[in-house]
Amino acid sequence: STIERGFHTLYIRTLNKYGQWSSVMSRPL
């Protein structure tokens, strides 16, 4: 609801119990 209309990219990343970040996953929307 706070995102303006139009094309955007959603990015998601995780942090594991060892303090390591995952690769960033992206999906256009």
PDB file of all heavy atoms in Angstrom:
ATOM      1  N   SER A   1       0.810  -1.226   0.000  1.00  0.00           N
ATOM      2  CA  SER A   1       0.000   0.000   0.000  1.00  0.00           C
ATOM      3  C   SER A   1       0.843   1.275   0.000  1.00  0.00           C
ATOM      4  O   SER A   1       0.361   2.323  -0.422  1.00  0.00           O
ATOM      5  CB  SER A   1      -0.958   0.005   1.191  1.00  0.00           C
ATOM      6  OG  SER A   1      -0.235   0.035   2.409  1.00  0.00           O
ATOM      7  N   THR A   2       2.081   1.214   0.453  1.00  0.00           N
ATOM      8  CA  THR A   2       2.920   2.412   0.485  1.00  0.00           C
ATOM      9  C   THR A   2       3.813   2.529  -0.755  1.00  0.00           C
ATOM     10  O   THR A   2       4.548   3.500  -0.890  1.00  0.00           O
ATOM     11  CB  THR A   2       3.818   2.404   1.743  1.00  0.00           C
ATOM     12  OG1 THR A   2       4.652   1.243   1.706  1.00  0.00           O
ATOM     13  CG2 THR A   2       2.978   2.403   3.015  1.00  0.00           C
ATOM     14  N   ILE A   3       3.733   1.549  -1.637  1.00  0.00           N
ATOM     15  CA  ILE A   3       4.560   1.549  -2.842  1.00  0.00           C
ATOM     16  C   ILE A   3       3.799   2.244  -3.968  1.00  0.00           C
ATOM     17  O   ILE A   3       2.625   1.973  -4.194  1.00  0.00           O
ATOM     18  CB  ILE A   3       4.910   0.097  -3.278  1.00  0.00           C
ATOM     19  CG1 ILE A   3       5.554  -0.680  -2.116  1.00  0.00           C
ATOM     20  CG2 ILE A   3       5.799   0.085  -4.508  1.00  0.00           C
ATOM     21  CD1 ILE A   3       6.821  -0.062  -1.593  1.00  0.00           C
ATOM     22  N   GLU A   4       4.473   3.143  -4.668  1.00  0.00           N
ATOM     23  CA  GLU A   4       3.842   3.849  -5.781  1.00  0.00           C
ATOM     24  C   GLU A   4       3.487   2.873  -6.893  1.00  0.00           C
ATOM     25  O   GLU A   4       4.143   1.845  -7.073  1.00  0.00           O
ATOM     26  CB  GLU A   4       4.790   4.916  -6.334  1.00  0.00           C
ATOM     27  CG  GLU A   4       5.015   6.076  -5.386  1.00  0.00           C
ATOM     28  CD  GLU A   4       5.918   7.132  -6.008  1.00  0.00           C
ATOM     29  OE1 GLU A   4       5.995   7.216  -7.256  1.00  0.00           O
ATOM     30  OE2 GLU A   4       6.545   7.875  -5.234  1.00  0.00           O
ATOM     31  N   ARG A   5       2.460   3.210  -7.653  1.00  0.00           N
ATOM     32  CA  ARG A   5       2.075   2.391  -8.804  1.00  0.00           C
ATOM     33  C   ARG A   5       3.214   2.350  -9.812  1.00  0.00           C
ATOM     34  O   ARG A   5       3.972   3.287  -9.950  1.00  0.00           O
ATOM     35  CB  ARG A   5       0.840   2.975  -9.489  1.00  0.00           C
ATOM     36  CG  ARG A   5      -0.382   2.915  -8.653  1.00  0.00           C
ATOM     37  CD  ARG A   5      -1.545   3.492  -9.408  1.00  0.00           C
ATOM     38  NE  ARG A   5      -2.594   3.844  -8.481  1.00  0.00           N
ATOM     39  CZ  ARG A   5      -3.659   4.510  -8.806  1.00  0.00           C
ATOM     40  NH1 ARG A   5      -3.835   4.922 -10.037  1.00  0.00           N
ATOM     41  NH2 ARG A   5      -4.577   4.782  -7.910  1.00  0.00           N
ATOM     42  N   GLY A   6       3.318   1.216 -10.495  1.00  0.00           N
ATOM     43  CA  GLY A   6       4.328   1.075 -11.532  1.00  0.00           C
ATOM     44  C   GLY A   6       5.211  -0.134 -11.304  1.00  0.00           C
ATOM     45  O   GLY A   6       4.941  -0.973 -10.453  1.00  0.00           O
ATOM     46  N   PHE A   7       6.306  -0.198 -12.083  1.00  0.00           N
ATOM     47  CA  PHE A   7       7.242  -1.317 -11.993  1.00  0.00           C
ATOM     48  C   PHE A   7       8.225  -1.105 -10.847  1.00  0.00           C
ATOM     49  O   PHE A   7       8.730  -0.002 -10.645  1.00  0.00           O
ATOM     50  CB  PHE A   7       8.013  -1.480 -13.302  1.00  0.00           C
ATOM     51  CG  PHE A   7       7.168  -2.014 -14.416  1.00  0.00           C
ATOM     52  CD1 PHE A   7       6.623  -1.164 -15.363  1.00  0.00           C
ATOM     53  CD2 PHE A   7       6.903  -3.370 -14.501  1.00  0.00           C
ATOM     54  CE1 PHE A   7       5.827  -1.665 -16.384  1.00  0.00           C
ATOM     55  CE2 PHE A   7       6.114  -3.879 -15.513  1.00  0.00           C
ATOM     56  CZ  PHE A   7       5.578  -3.016 -16.463  1.00  0.00           C
ATOM     57  N   HIS A   8       8.498  -2.176 -10.110  1.00  0.00           N
ATOM     58  CA  HIS A   8       9.427  -2.154  -8.988  1.00  0.00           C
ATOM     59  C   HIS A   8      10.155  -3.498  -8.936  1.00  0.00           C
ATOM     60  O   HIS A   8       9.793  -4.443  -9.635  1.00  0.00           O
ATOM     61  CB  HIS A   8       8.691  -1.933  -7.662  1.00  0.00           C
ATOM     62  CG  HIS A   8       7.995  -0.616  -7.599  1.00  0.00           C
ATOM     63  ND1 HIS A   8       8.628   0.541  -7.225  1.00  0.00           N
ATOM     64  CD2 HIS A   8       6.717  -0.272  -7.877  1.00  0.00           C
ATOM     65  CE1 HIS A   8       7.774   1.544  -7.276  1.00  0.00           C
ATOM     66  NE2 HIS A   8       6.606   1.075  -7.674  1.00  0.00           N
ATOM     67  N   THR A   9      11.134  -3.586  -8.062  1.00  0.00           N
ATOM     68  CA  THR A   9      11.811  -4.850  -7.810  1.00  0.00           C
ATOM     69  C   THR A   9      11.746  -5.122  -6.307  1.00  0.00           C
ATOM     70  O   THR A   9      12.088  -4.257  -5.500  1.00  0.00           O
ATOM     71  CB  THR A   9      13.274  -4.816  -8.274  1.00  0.00           C
ATOM     72  OG1 THR A   9      13.307  -4.482  -9.669  1.00  0.00           O
ATOM     73  CG2 THR A   9      13.943  -6.165  -8.071  1.00  0.00           C
ATOM     74  N   LEU A  10      11.299  -6.328  -5.959  1.00  0.00           N
ATOM     75  CA  LEU A  10      11.262  -6.788  -4.576  1.00  0.00           C
ATOM     76  C   LEU A  10      12.540  -7.576  -4.314  1.00  0.00           C
ATOM     77  O   LEU A  10      12.897  -8.461  -5.094  1.00  0.00           O
ATOM     78  CB  LEU A  10      10.045  -7.691  -4.346  1.00  0.00           C
ATOM     79  CG  LEU A  10      10.013  -8.487  -3.045  1.00  0.00           C
ATOM     80  CD1 LEU A  10       9.889  -7.559  -1.846  1.00  0.00           C
ATOM     81  CD2 LEU A  10       8.873  -9.503  -3.079  1.00  0.00           C
ATOM     82  N   TYR A  11      13.231  -7.249  -3.234  1.00  0.00           N
ATOM     83  CA  TYR A  11      14.458  -7.941  -2.842  1.00  0.00           C
ATOM     84  C   TYR A  11      14.254  -8.582  -1.472  1.00  0.00           C
ATOM     85  O   TYR A  11      13.663  -7.969  -0.582  1.00  0.00           O
ATOM     86  CB  TYR A  11      15.637  -6.968  -2.755  1.00  0.00           C
ATOM     87  CG  TYR A  11      15.998  -6.322  -4.064  1.00  0.00           C
ATOM     88  CD1 TYR A  11      15.446  -5.093  -4.426  1.00  0.00           C
ATOM     89  CD2 TYR A  11      16.894  -6.928  -4.926  1.00  0.00           C
ATOM     90  CE1 TYR A  11      15.779  -4.489  -5.627  1.00  0.00           C
ATOM     91  CE2 TYR A  11      17.239  -6.327  -6.134  1.00  0.00           C
ATOM     92  CZ  TYR A  11      16.679  -5.111  -6.472  1.00  0.00           C
ATOM     93  OH  TYR A  11      17.006  -4.518  -7.662  1.00  0.00           O
ATOM     94  N   ILE A  12      14.768  -9.789  -1.287  1.00  0.00           N
ATOM     95  CA  ILE A  12      14.688 -10.495  -0.006  1.00  0.00           C
ATOM     96  C   ILE A  12      16.038 -11.141   0.279  1.00  0.00           C
ATOM     97  O   ILE A  12      16.679 -11.685  -0.621  1.00  0.00           O
ATOM     98  CB  ILE A  12      13.593 -11.582  -0.032  1.00  0.00           C
ATOM     99  CG1 ILE A  12      12.231 -10.951  -0.250  1.00  0.00           C
ATOM    100  CG2 ILE A  12      13.603 -12.391   1.252  1.00  0.00           C
ATOM    101  CD1 ILE A  12      11.090 -11.941  -0.339  1.00  0.00           C
ATOM    102  N   ARG A  13      16.440 -11.070   1.547  1.00  0.00           N
ATOM    103  CA  ARG A  13      17.674 -11.749   1.961  1.00  0.00           C
ATOM    104  C   ARG A  13      17.488 -12.280   3.381  1.00  0.00           C
ATOM    105  O   ARG A  13      16.628 -11.819   4.124  1.00  0.00           O
ATOM    106  CB  ARG A  13      18.876 -10.825   1.868  1.00  0.00           C
ATOM    107  CG  ARG A  13      18.812  -9.616   2.752  1.00  0.00           C
ATOM    108  CD  ARG A  13      20.045  -8.739   2.559  1.00  0.00           C
ATOM    109  NE  ARG A  13      19.806  -7.408   3.091  1.00  0.00           N
ATOM    110  CZ  ARG A  13      20.148  -6.285   2.496  1.00  0.00           C
ATOM    111  NH1 ARG A  13      20.765  -6.310   1.327  1.00  0.00           N
ATOM    112  NH2 ARG A  13      19.906  -5.121   3.050  1.00  0.00           N
ATOM    113  N   THR A  14      18.316 -13.265   3.722  1.00  0.00           N
ATOM    114  CA  THR A  14      18.229 -13.889   5.045  1.00  0.00           C
ATOM    115  C   THR A  14      19.594 -13.858   5.723  1.00  0.00           C
ATOM    116  O   THR A  14      20.629 -13.760   5.068  1.00  0.00           O
ATOM    117  CB  THR A  14      17.766 -15.357   4.937  1.00  0.00           C
ATOM    118  OG1 THR A  14      18.740 -16.101   4.204  1.00  0.00           O
ATOM    119  CG2 THR A  14      16.419 -15.461   4.264  1.00  0.00           C
ATOM    120  N   LEU A  15      19.535 -13.971   7.042  1.00  0.00           N
ATOM    121  CA  LEU A  15      20.736 -14.065   7.858  1.00  0.00           C
ATOM    122  C   LEU A  15      20.637 -15.371   8.635  1.00  0.00           C
ATOM    123  O   LEU A  15      19.608 -15.636   9.270  1.00  0.00           O
ATOM    124  CB  LEU A  15      20.806 -12.878   8.823  1.00  0.00           C
ATOM    125  CG  LEU A  15      21.995 -12.802   9.770  1.00  0.00           C
ATOM    126  CD1 LEU A  15      23.299 -12.568   8.989  1.00  0.00           C
ATOM    127  CD2 LEU A  15      21.779 -11.692  10.790  1.00  0.00           C
ATOM    128  N   ASN A  16      21.676 -16.210   8.564  1.00  0.00           N
ATOM    129  CA  ASN A  16      21.599 -17.501   9.267  1.00  0.00           C
ATOM    130  C   ASN A  16      22.166 -17.386  10.679  1.00  0.00           C
ATOM    131  O   ASN A  16      22.664 -16.328  11.089  1.00  0.00           O
ATOM    132  CB  ASN A  16      22.280 -18.612   8.470  1.00  0.00           C
ATOM    133  CG  ASN A  16      23.787 -18.466   8.387  1.00  0.00           C
ATOM    134  OD1 ASN A  16      24.414 -17.710   9.128  1.00  0.00           O
ATOM    135  ND2 ASN A  16      24.385 -19.198   7.464  1.00  0.00           N
ATOM    136  N   LYS A  17      22.093 -18.487  11.410  1.00  0.00           N
ATOM    137  CA  LYS A  17      22.531 -18.488  12.812  1.00  0.00           C
ATOM    138  C   LYS A  17      24.036 -18.278  12.964  1.00  0.00           C
ATOM    139  O   LYS A  17      24.513 -17.995  14.060  1.00  0.00           O
ATOM    140  CB  LYS A  17      22.105 -19.788  13.497  1.00  0.00           C
ATOM    141  CG  LYS A  17      22.785 -21.037  12.976  1.00  0.00           C
ATOM    142  CD  LYS A  17      22.281 -22.255  13.705  1.00  0.00           C
ATOM    143  CE  LYS A  17      22.950 -23.510  13.190  1.00  0.00           C
ATOM    144  NZ  LYS A  17      22.478 -24.687  13.912  1.00  0.00           N
ATOM    145  N   TYR A  18      24.785 -18.390  11.877  1.00  0.00           N
ATOM    146  CA  TYR A  18      26.231 -18.178  11.911  1.00  0.00           C
ATOM    147  C   TYR A  18      26.615 -16.740  11.544  1.00  0.00           C
ATOM    148  O   TYR A  18      27.794 -16.426  11.411  1.00  0.00           O
ATOM    149  CB  TYR A  18      26.939 -19.149  10.961  1.00  0.00           C
ATOM    150  CG  TYR A  18      26.608 -20.590  11.252  1.00  0.00           C
ATOM    151  CD1 TYR A  18      25.824 -21.327  10.371  1.00  0.00           C
ATOM    152  CD2 TYR A  18      27.052 -21.212  12.413  1.00  0.00           C
ATOM    153  CE1 TYR A  18      25.505 -22.649  10.635  1.00  0.00           C
ATOM    154  CE2 TYR A  18      26.730 -22.528  12.686  1.00  0.00           C
ATOM    155  CZ  TYR A  18      25.955 -23.240  11.799  1.00  0.00           C
ATOM    156  OH  TYR A  18      25.628 -24.543  12.054  1.00  0.00           O
ATOM    157  N   GLY A  19      25.610 -15.886  11.338  1.00  0.00           N
ATOM    158  CA  GLY A  19      25.869 -14.493  10.983  1.00  0.00           C
ATOM    159  C   GLY A  19      26.199 -14.282   9.521  1.00  0.00           C
ATOM    160  O   GLY A  19      26.732 -13.241   9.146  1.00  0.00           O
ATOM    161  N   GLN A  20      25.853 -15.255   8.658  1.00  0.00           N
ATOM    162  CA  GLN A  20      26.138 -15.143   7.221  1.00  0.00           C
ATOM    163  C   GLN A  20      24.867 -14.739   6.472  1.00  0.00           C
ATOM    164  O   GLN A  20      23.813 -15.332   6.659  1.00  0.00           O
ATOM    165  CB  GLN A  20      26.640 -16.485   6.688  1.00  0.00           C
ATOM    166  CG  GLN A  20      27.911 -16.948   7.358  1.00  0.00           C
ATOM    167  CD  GLN A  20      28.211 -18.412   7.053  1.00  0.00           C
ATOM    168  OE1 GLN A  20      27.314 -19.240   6.971  1.00  0.00           O
ATOM    169  NE2 GLN A  20      29.489 -18.719   6.901  1.00  0.00           N
ATOM    170  N   TRP A  21      25.021 -13.761   5.607  1.00  0.00           N
ATOM    171  CA  TRP A  21      23.896 -13.311   4.784  1.00  0.00           C
ATOM    172  C   TRP A  21      23.776 -14.171   3.526  1.00  0.00           C
ATOM    173  O   TRP A  21      24.777 -14.570   2.941  1.00  0.00           O
ATOM    174  CB  TRP A  21      24.074 -11.848   4.370  1.00  0.00           C
ATOM    175  CG  TRP A  21      23.813 -10.893   5.489  1.00  0.00           C
ATOM    176  CD1 TRP A  21      24.738 -10.329   6.317  1.00  0.00           C
ATOM    177  CD2 TRP A  21      22.543 -10.413   5.913  1.00  0.00           C
ATOM    178  NE1 TRP A  21      24.117  -9.525   7.222  1.00  0.00           N
ATOM    179  CE2 TRP A  21      22.772  -9.551   7.004  1.00  0.00           C
ATOM    180  CE3 TRP A  21      21.236 -10.622   5.484  1.00  0.00           C
ATOM    181  CZ2 TRP A  21      21.734  -8.898   7.663  1.00  0.00           C
ATOM    182  CZ3 TRP A  21      20.199  -9.978   6.137  1.00  0.00           C
ATOM    183  CH2 TRP A  21      20.453  -9.125   7.214  1.00  0.00           C
ATOM    184  N   SER A  22      22.559 -14.426   3.112  1.00  0.00           N
ATOM    185  CA  SER A  22      22.312 -15.144   1.858  1.00  0.00           C
ATOM    186  C   SER A  22      22.543 -14.212   0.681  1.00  0.00           C
ATOM    187  O   SER A  22      22.733 -13.008   0.858  1.00  0.00           O
ATOM    188  CB  SER A  22      20.852 -15.629   1.821  1.00  0.00           C
ATOM    189  OG  SER A  22      19.980 -14.509   1.699  1.00  0.00           O
ATOM    190  N   SER A  23      22.498 -14.774  -0.521  1.00  0.00           N
ATOM    191  CA  SER A  23      22.448 -13.944  -1.714  1.00  0.00           C
ATOM    192  C   SER A  23      21.104 -13.222  -1.699  1.00  0.00           C
ATOM    193  O   SER A  23      20.132 -13.706  -1.134  1.00  0.00           O
ATOM    194  CB  SER A  23      22.525 -14.807  -2.970  1.00  0.00           C
ATOM    195  OG  SER A  23      23.735 -15.511  -2.994  1.00  0.00           O
ATOM    196  N   VAL A  24      21.056 -12.077  -2.322  1.00  0.00           N
ATOM    197  CA  VAL A  24      19.799 -11.336  -2.388  1.00  0.00           C
ATOM    198  C   VAL A  24      18.973 -11.895  -3.535  1.00  0.00           C
ATOM    199  O   VAL A  24      19.448 -11.998  -4.659  1.00  0.00           O
ATOM    200  CB  VAL A  24      20.054  -9.831  -2.603  1.00  0.00           C
ATOM    201  CG1 VAL A  24      18.750  -9.074  -2.730  1.00  0.00           C
ATOM    202  CG2 VAL A  24      20.889  -9.262  -1.468  1.00  0.00           C
ATOM    203  N   MET A  25      17.752 -12.303  -3.209  1.00  0.00           N
ATOM    204  CA  MET A  25      16.813 -12.781  -4.227  1.00  0.00           C
ATOM    205  C   MET A  25      16.009 -11.581  -4.696  1.00  0.00           C
ATOM    206  O   MET A  25      15.590 -10.757  -3.880  1.00  0.00           O
ATOM    207  CB  MET A  25      15.865 -13.827  -3.639  1.00  0.00           C
ATOM    208  CG  MET A  25      16.564 -15.047  -3.076  1.00  0.00           C
ATOM    209  SD  MET A  25      17.270 -16.094  -4.344  1.00  0.00           S
ATOM    210  CE  MET A  25      15.809 -16.619  -5.189  1.00  0.00           C
ATOM    211  N   SER A  26      15.765 -11.481  -5.988  1.00  0.00           N
ATOM    212  CA  SER A  26      14.991 -10.355  -6.497  1.00  0.00           C
ATOM    213  C   SER A  26      13.913 -10.846  -7.460  1.00  0.00           C
ATOM    214  O   SER A  26      14.099 -11.847  -8.150  1.00  0.00           O
ATOM    215  CB  SER A  26      15.906  -9.353  -7.193  1.00  0.00           C
ATOM    216  OG  SER A  26      16.483  -9.926  -8.346  1.00  0.00           O
ATOM    217  N   ARG A  27      12.808 -10.139  -7.468  1.00  0.00           N
ATOM    218  CA  ARG A  27      11.710 -10.430  -8.371  1.00  0.00           C
ATOM    219  C   ARG A  27      11.094  -9.108  -8.817  1.00  0.00           C
ATOM    220  O   ARG A  27      10.765  -8.264  -7.974  1.00  0.00           O
ATOM    221  CB  ARG A  27      10.610 -11.257  -7.700  1.00  0.00           C
ATOM    222  CG  ARG A  27      11.008 -12.659  -7.325  1.00  0.00           C
ATOM    223  CD  ARG A  27      11.254 -13.513  -8.575  1.00  0.00           C
ATOM    224  NE  ARG A  27      11.509 -14.888  -8.265  1.00  0.00           N
ATOM    225  CZ  ARG A  27      12.696 -15.419  -8.039  1.00  0.00           C
ATOM    226  NH1 ARG A  27      13.767 -14.686  -8.060  1.00  0.00           N
ATOM    227  NH2 ARG A  27      12.830 -16.701  -7.780  1.00  0.00           N
ATOM    228  N   PRO A  28      10.943  -8.920 -10.120  1.00  0.00           N
ATOM    229  CA  PRO A  28      10.256  -7.708 -10.585  1.00  0.00           C
ATOM    230  C   PRO A  28       8.769  -7.825 -10.275  1.00  0.00           C
ATOM    231  O   PRO A  28       8.223  -8.924 -10.195  1.00  0.00           O
ATOM    232  CB  PRO A  28      10.513  -7.725 -12.099  1.00  0.00           C
ATOM    233  CG  PRO A  28      10.734  -9.161 -12.424  1.00  0.00           C
ATOM    234  CD  PRO A  28      11.353  -9.791 -11.214  1.00  0.00           C
ATOM    235  N   LEU A  29       8.122  -6.690 -10.078  1.00  0.00           N
ATOM    236  CA  LEU A  29       6.685  -6.703  -9.871  1.00  0.00           C
ATOM    237  C   LEU A  29       6.101  -5.390 -10.374  1.00  0.00           C
ATOM    238  O   LEU A  29       6.793  -4.409 -10.568  1.00  0.00           O
ATOM    239  CB  LEU A  29       6.317  -6.931  -8.403  1.00  0.00           C
ATOM    240  CG  LEU A  29       6.759  -5.900  -7.388  1.00  0.00           C
ATOM    241  CD1 LEU A  29       5.597  -5.008  -7.013  1.00  0.00           C
ATOM    242  CD2 LEU A  29       7.253  -6.614  -6.152  1.00  0.00           C
TER     243      LEU A  29
END
